[in-house]
Amino acid sequence: MLSARGFITFFWILWLAKSAISQSLILQKLDDASSVDWGRMVIRTVGNSAAAASDRLQRIEALERAKLAAAENLLHALKRVSWRAGARISDAVEKNLLSESDLKSLAETFTIVDTRSLSDMSVEVDVELPLTGELLNLVLPSEIGKSPLRLSSAPLCPCCGQPWPAGRPLPEGLKLIIPSAGYTTAKGAPFTGAIIDARHLDLKPALLPKIVDENGEEIYSVEYVNRPAVEQNGLVAYRKTLDAATKDLRVGASPLMVRALKTAAANTDIVISNIDAALLHAAAKSQNFLNQCKVVIVF
């Protein structure tokens, strides 16, 4: 029997577990049966046998029918997932960028997370499929990661990030930031990732969003990443709170914090300042965390 202290410890652990789960849930409803959790990067749906199952053999057959229904529902739901700005996966299929048969085969590789016998003796299954891995392999362009970091040699003020005026004397003890030489934390350690704070914006998640500067130039997209890294982890991670983002192992112990200015392209892409764009690439110079998709977006 648990002591009073044991009960307190048990419920404290339970609360922490529930809190961690709630932090990862960023649900987008696709239809009556399906939704995407952008926090966990999975799509989930339901399949029903729609027929009574009384004896053991009939229950097995009902389960198989429920699984077939789940695969069909999952196929329809996958087509509704946001692929990139203003486009769903169905658009990629229509443009012959993605094969319908490949998508159907993928939908059949779901994992069953729950099974229920209903009052009418039918069987219902909850299934889910990761948005990373094979799906990203299918929707990614054949060639990615072709863009180099943009590393200017023009010096920047370490206090405000603005370009340092030519000819202005440098105060004693002040060291200018030279993006081409890299940009580190105040302690001289390399940045380990980036957190984009978009909590104040009406952002719409997508599989392949872009981060651009004020001139519309791409600062982060599939053109800056390693293919195995994006297939395994996704281009970005979405988090609900800044606390969850800073604790995310994806961005490491010393992430660069960047505040988004506004959204662009159907509220999927993010605009950051030209100064932050220069600092982001300079910060990525030493370890190139952009190449490894170590980017978290808070919204």
Protein backbone atom coordinates (compact mmCIF):
# COMPACT_ATOMS: atom_id res chain seq x y z
CA MET A 1 0.00 0.00 0.00
CA LEU A 2 1.27 3.46 -0.90
CA SER A 3 2.03 5.88 1.90
CA ALA A 4 0.69 9.44 1.86
CA ARG A 5 4.03 10.57 0.53
CA GLY A 6 3.88 7.83 -2.10
CA PHE A 7 0.47 9.02 -3.27
CA ILE A 8 1.78 12.58 -3.57
CA THR A 9 4.76 11.39 -5.59
CA PHE A 10 2.54 9.23 -7.81
CA PHE A 11 0.11 12.02 -8.60
CA TRP A 12 2.97 14.48 -9.12
CA ILE A 13 4.50 12.14 -11.73
CA LEU A 14 1.07 11.65 -13.31
CA TRP A 15 0.55 15.41 -13.50
CA LEU A 16 3.96 15.90 -15.10
CA ALA A 17 3.20 13.22 -17.66
CA LYS A 18 -0.15 14.80 -18.54
CA SER A 19 1.50 18.21 -18.72
CA ALA A 20 4.16 16.90 -21.12
CA ILE A 21 1.49 15.33 -23.33
CA SER A 22 -0.58 18.53 -23.38
CA GLN A 23 2.49 20.51 -24.41
CA SER A 24 2.89 18.29 -27.49
CA LEU A 25 -0.75 18.44 -28.61
CA ILE A 26 -1.28 20.95 -31.41
CA LEU A 27 -4.39 19.59 -33.06
CA GLN A 28 -5.77 20.54 -36.45
CA LYS A 29 -9.06 18.90 -37.37
CA LEU A 30 -9.16 17.70 -40.96
CA ASP A 31 -12.64 16.15 -41.03
CA ASP A 32 -15.11 14.49 -38.66
CA ALA A 33 -12.84 11.48 -38.15
CA SER A 34 -9.32 12.79 -38.71
CA SER A 35 -6.86 15.28 -37.25
CA VAL A 36 -3.19 16.23 -37.32
CA ASP A 37 -1.15 16.70 -34.16
CA TRP A 38 1.58 19.08 -35.33
CA GLY A 39 3.29 18.81 -31.95
CA ARG A 40 3.89 15.07 -32.37
CA MET A 41 3.92 15.23 -36.19
CA VAL A 42 1.31 12.49 -36.63
CA ILE A 43 -2.01 12.18 -38.42
CA ARG A 44 -4.78 10.22 -36.76
CA THR A 45 -8.11 8.81 -37.90
CA VAL A 46 -10.77 6.17 -37.11
CA GLY A 47 -12.03 3.09 -38.93
CA ASN A 48 -15.28 1.25 -38.21
CA SER A 49 -16.40 -2.21 -39.31
CA ALA A 50 -19.96 -0.92 -39.66
CA ALA A 51 -21.24 -4.45 -39.10
CA ALA A 52 -22.14 -6.60 -36.12
CA ALA A 53 -19.61 -9.05 -34.74
CA SER A 54 -20.86 -11.73 -32.35
CA ASP A 55 -18.57 -14.77 -32.40
CA ARG A 56 -14.77 -14.82 -32.45
CA LEU A 57 -14.40 -15.30 -36.22
CA GLN A 58 -16.84 -12.48 -36.95
CA ARG A 59 -14.94 -10.18 -34.59
CA ILE A 60 -11.69 -10.94 -36.44
CA GLU A 61 -13.40 -10.20 -39.75
CA ALA A 62 -14.90 -7.02 -38.31
CA LEU A 63 -11.47 -5.88 -37.15
CA GLU A 64 -10.10 -6.39 -40.66
CA ARG A 65 -12.97 -4.37 -42.15
CA ALA A 66 -12.31 -1.62 -39.60
CA LYS A 67 -8.64 -1.57 -40.60
CA LEU A 68 -9.57 -1.28 -44.27
CA ALA A 69 -11.91 1.59 -43.45
CA ALA A 70 -9.16 3.27 -41.43
CA ALA A 71 -6.73 3.05 -44.34
CA GLU A 72 -9.30 4.60 -46.68
CA ASN A 73 -10.07 7.39 -44.20
CA LEU A 74 -6.36 7.96 -43.69
CA LEU A 75 -5.79 8.31 -47.43
CA HIS A 76 -8.47 11.00 -47.67
CA ALA A 77 -7.11 12.75 -44.57
CA LEU A 78 -3.51 12.73 -45.86
CA LYS A 79 -4.64 14.61 -48.95
CA ARG A 80 -5.95 17.40 -46.71
CA VAL A 81 -2.66 17.92 -44.87
CA SER A 82 -0.96 21.27 -45.54
CA TRP A 83 2.01 20.56 -47.75
CA ARG A 84 3.40 24.05 -48.24
CA ALA A 85 2.03 27.59 -48.42
CA GLY A 86 -1.49 27.56 -49.89
CA ALA A 87 -1.28 23.91 -50.97
CA ARG A 88 -2.38 20.54 -49.63
CA ILE A 89 -0.96 17.14 -50.43
CA SER A 90 -3.89 16.65 -52.81
CA ASP A 91 -2.43 19.49 -54.91
CA ALA A 92 0.86 17.58 -55.16
CA VAL A 93 -1.09 14.55 -56.39
CA GLU A 94 -2.98 16.62 -58.96
CA LYS A 95 0.29 18.12 -60.25
CA ASN A 96 1.81 14.62 -60.54
CA LEU A 97 4.44 15.50 -57.97
CA LEU A 98 3.20 12.64 -55.84
CA SER A 99 1.72 9.31 -56.90
CA GLU A 100 -1.77 8.42 -55.68
CA SER A 101 -0.72 4.77 -55.44
CA ASP A 102 2.32 5.66 -53.32
CA LEU A 103 0.12 7.68 -50.99
CA LYS A 104 -2.38 4.82 -50.77
CA SER A 105 0.39 2.34 -49.94
CA LEU A 106 1.66 4.70 -47.26
CA ALA A 107 -1.83 5.00 -45.72
CA GLU A 108 -1.86 1.23 -45.23
CA THR A 109 1.23 1.34 -42.97
CA PHE A 110 -0.61 2.92 -40.03
CA THR A 111 -0.22 1.90 -36.40
CA ILE A 112 -3.29 0.91 -34.36
CA VAL A 113 -3.37 2.88 -31.11
CA ASP A 114 -6.76 1.74 -29.80
CA THR A 115 -9.46 -0.84 -30.55
CA ARG A 116 -13.04 -0.76 -29.27
CA SER A 117 -16.05 -3.08 -29.41
CA LEU A 118 -19.16 -0.90 -29.62
CA SER A 119 -22.64 -1.56 -28.26
CA ASP A 120 -23.88 -2.72 -31.68
CA MET A 121 -21.05 -5.31 -31.67
CA SER A 122 -19.15 -3.47 -34.41
CA VAL A 123 -15.43 -2.80 -34.07
CA GLU A 124 -13.73 0.59 -34.18
CA VAL A 125 -10.00 1.30 -34.41
CA ASP A 126 -7.97 4.46 -33.85
CA VAL A 127 -4.91 4.59 -36.08
CA GLU A 128 -2.08 7.03 -36.64
CA LEU A 129 0.72 7.62 -39.10
CA PRO A 130 3.82 9.80 -38.74
CA LEU A 131 4.12 12.87 -40.95
CA THR A 132 7.88 12.34 -40.99
CA GLY A 133 9.75 9.48 -42.65
CA GLU A 134 8.18 8.05 -45.79
CA LEU A 135 5.61 10.83 -46.25
CA LEU A 136 8.30 13.51 -46.31
CA ASN A 137 10.36 11.34 -48.63
CA LEU A 138 7.41 11.36 -51.02
CA VAL A 139 6.64 15.10 -50.90
CA LEU A 140 10.19 16.49 -50.84
CA PRO A 141 11.69 17.69 -54.12
CA SER A 142 14.24 15.31 -55.62
CA GLU A 143 17.05 17.79 -54.95
CA ILE A 144 17.22 19.88 -51.78
CA GLY A 145 19.82 21.60 -49.65
CA LYS A 146 21.40 23.51 -52.53
CA SER A 147 21.48 26.97 -50.91
CA PRO A 148 24.59 28.05 -48.96
CA LEU A 149 24.40 30.23 -45.86
CA ARG A 150 24.33 33.94 -46.65
CA LEU A 151 27.32 35.27 -44.71
CA SER A 152 28.08 38.94 -45.29
CA SER A 153 31.38 40.48 -44.23
CA ALA A 154 29.66 43.78 -43.36
CA PRO A 155 30.06 44.38 -39.57
CA LEU A 156 27.02 44.54 -37.29
CA CYS A 157 26.54 46.21 -33.92
CA PRO A 158 26.60 43.55 -31.14
CA CYS A 159 23.99 45.50 -29.15
CA CYS A 160 21.25 46.05 -31.74
CA GLY A 161 22.36 43.99 -34.73
CA GLN A 162 22.21 47.01 -37.04
CA PRO A 163 24.94 47.55 -39.66
CA TRP A 164 27.87 49.43 -38.14
CA PRO A 165 28.32 52.81 -39.93
CA ALA A 166 31.54 53.05 -41.91
CA GLY A 167 34.09 55.24 -40.20
CA ARG A 168 32.36 55.32 -36.82
CA PRO A 169 34.88 54.80 -33.98
CA LEU A 170 34.49 51.57 -32.06
CA PRO A 171 33.95 52.06 -28.30
CA GLU A 172 36.51 50.38 -26.08
CA GLY A 173 35.59 46.80 -25.21
CA LEU A 174 33.01 46.52 -28.03
CA LYS A 175 33.50 43.78 -30.62
CA LEU A 176 31.56 43.96 -33.85
CA ILE A 177 29.74 40.96 -35.28
CA ILE A 178 31.14 39.84 -38.63
CA PRO A 179 28.57 37.34 -40.00
CA SER A 180 31.13 35.64 -42.26
CA ALA A 181 33.21 34.94 -39.14
CA GLY A 182 30.23 33.42 -37.28
CA TYR A 183 28.09 34.53 -34.37
CA THR A 184 28.17 32.99 -30.89
CA THR A 185 26.43 33.36 -27.54
CA ALA A 186 27.57 36.00 -25.04
CA LYS A 187 29.80 33.33 -23.48
CA GLY A 188 31.40 32.53 -26.81
CA ALA A 189 29.65 29.18 -27.21
CA PRO A 190 28.09 28.20 -30.55
CA PHE A 191 24.34 28.40 -30.98
CA THR A 192 22.79 24.94 -31.10
CA GLY A 193 19.50 25.68 -32.83
CA ALA A 194 16.89 28.37 -33.42
CA ILE A 195 13.53 29.18 -31.84
CA ILE A 196 11.18 31.34 -33.88
CA ASP A 197 8.65 33.09 -31.64
CA ALA A 198 5.41 33.47 -33.62
CA ARG A 199 2.99 33.38 -30.68
CA HIS A 200 1.54 36.76 -31.66
CA LEU A 201 0.72 35.65 -35.20
CA ASP A 202 -2.10 33.65 -36.82
CA LEU A 203 0.26 30.98 -38.14
CA LYS A 204 -0.94 27.89 -40.00
CA PRO A 205 1.38 24.84 -39.71
CA ALA A 206 2.56 22.95 -42.78
CA LEU A 207 5.00 20.20 -43.67
CA LEU A 208 7.35 22.49 -45.59
CA PRO A 209 7.07 26.09 -44.36
CA LYS A 210 9.58 28.80 -45.23
CA ILE A 211 11.26 31.54 -43.23
CA VAL A 212 12.00 34.63 -45.31
CA ASP A 213 13.48 38.07 -44.65
CA GLU A 214 11.76 41.42 -45.19
CA ASN A 215 12.73 41.32 -48.88
CA GLY A 216 11.11 37.92 -49.35
CA GLU A 217 14.45 36.12 -49.65
CA GLU A 218 14.43 32.57 -48.29
CA ILE A 219 16.37 32.27 -45.03
CA TYR A 220 15.25 28.74 -44.15
CA SER A 221 13.50 26.14 -46.29
CA VAL A 222 14.18 22.73 -47.81
CA GLU A 223 16.98 24.42 -49.75
CA TYR A 224 19.05 24.68 -46.56
CA VAL A 225 18.66 21.19 -45.11
CA ASN A 226 20.12 17.71 -45.22
CA ARG A 227 17.61 15.22 -46.70
CA PRO A 228 18.00 12.46 -44.08
CA ALA A 229 17.60 15.05 -41.30
CA VAL A 230 14.38 16.52 -42.69
CA GLU A 231 12.90 13.09 -43.44
CA GLN A 232 13.58 11.88 -39.92
CA ASN A 233 12.71 15.01 -37.93
CA GLY A 234 10.60 17.21 -40.17
CA LEU A 235 11.65 20.64 -41.45
CA VAL A 236 10.54 22.32 -38.21
CA ALA A 237 8.98 21.37 -34.89
CA TYR A 238 5.89 23.21 -33.67
CA ARG A 239 5.43 23.95 -29.98
CA LYS A 240 2.66 25.68 -28.01
CA THR A 241 4.77 27.54 -25.46
CA LEU A 242 8.18 29.15 -25.25
CA ASP A 243 8.95 26.97 -22.23
CA ALA A 244 8.30 23.82 -24.24
CA ALA A 245 10.47 25.13 -27.07
CA THR A 246 13.45 25.96 -24.86
CA LYS A 247 13.29 22.49 -23.29
CA ASP A 248 13.12 20.76 -26.67
CA LEU A 249 16.26 18.67 -27.23
CA ARG A 250 15.98 19.47 -30.94
CA VAL A 251 17.40 22.98 -30.45
CA GLY A 252 19.95 22.04 -27.81
CA ALA A 253 21.14 24.01 -24.80
CA SER A 254 21.85 27.34 -26.53
CA PRO A 255 19.21 28.17 -29.14
CA LEU A 256 19.10 31.53 -30.90
CA MET A 257 15.83 33.34 -30.17
CA VAL A 258 14.20 35.13 -33.13
CA ARG A 259 10.92 37.04 -33.08
CA ALA A 260 8.76 36.69 -36.18
CA LEU A 261 7.53 39.93 -37.75
CA LYS A 262 4.53 38.59 -39.64
CA THR A 263 3.25 35.68 -41.68
CA ALA A 264 3.31 35.35 -45.45
CA ALA A 265 1.96 33.04 -48.15
CA ALA A 266 -1.38 31.89 -46.73
CA ASN A 267 -0.15 32.40 -43.14
CA THR A 268 2.17 29.39 -43.49
CA ASP A 269 5.51 31.10 -44.02
CA ILE A 270 7.22 33.41 -41.50
CA VAL A 271 8.89 36.78 -42.09
CA ILE A 272 11.80 37.82 -39.86
CA SER A 273 13.79 41.05 -39.94
CA ASN A 274 16.77 41.43 -42.25
CA ILE A 275 19.00 41.82 -39.19
CA ASP A 276 17.70 38.61 -37.60
CA ALA A 277 18.14 36.85 -40.94
CA ALA A 278 21.82 37.86 -41.01
CA LEU A 279 22.30 36.77 -37.39
CA LEU A 280 20.51 33.45 -37.96
CA HIS A 281 22.86 32.47 -40.78
CA ALA A 282 25.89 33.77 -38.88
CA ALA A 283 24.85 31.72 -35.83
CA ALA A 284 24.51 28.61 -37.99
CA LYS A 285 28.02 28.96 -39.42
CA SER A 286 29.92 26.91 -36.82
CA GLN A 287 27.58 23.90 -36.47
CA ASN A 288 25.08 24.61 -39.26
CA PHE A 289 22.06 23.66 -37.18
CA LEU A 290 19.85 24.78 -40.07
CA ASN A 291 21.24 21.93 -42.16
CA GLN A 292 20.11 19.53 -39.41
CA CYS A 293 16.59 21.04 -39.12
CA LYS A 294 17.18 22.24 -35.55
CA VAL A 295 14.41 24.83 -35.74
CA VAL A 296 11.38 25.12 -33.45
CA ILE A 297 8.44 27.44 -34.13
CA VAL A 298 6.29 28.60 -31.21
CA PHE A 299 2.77 29.67 -32.12
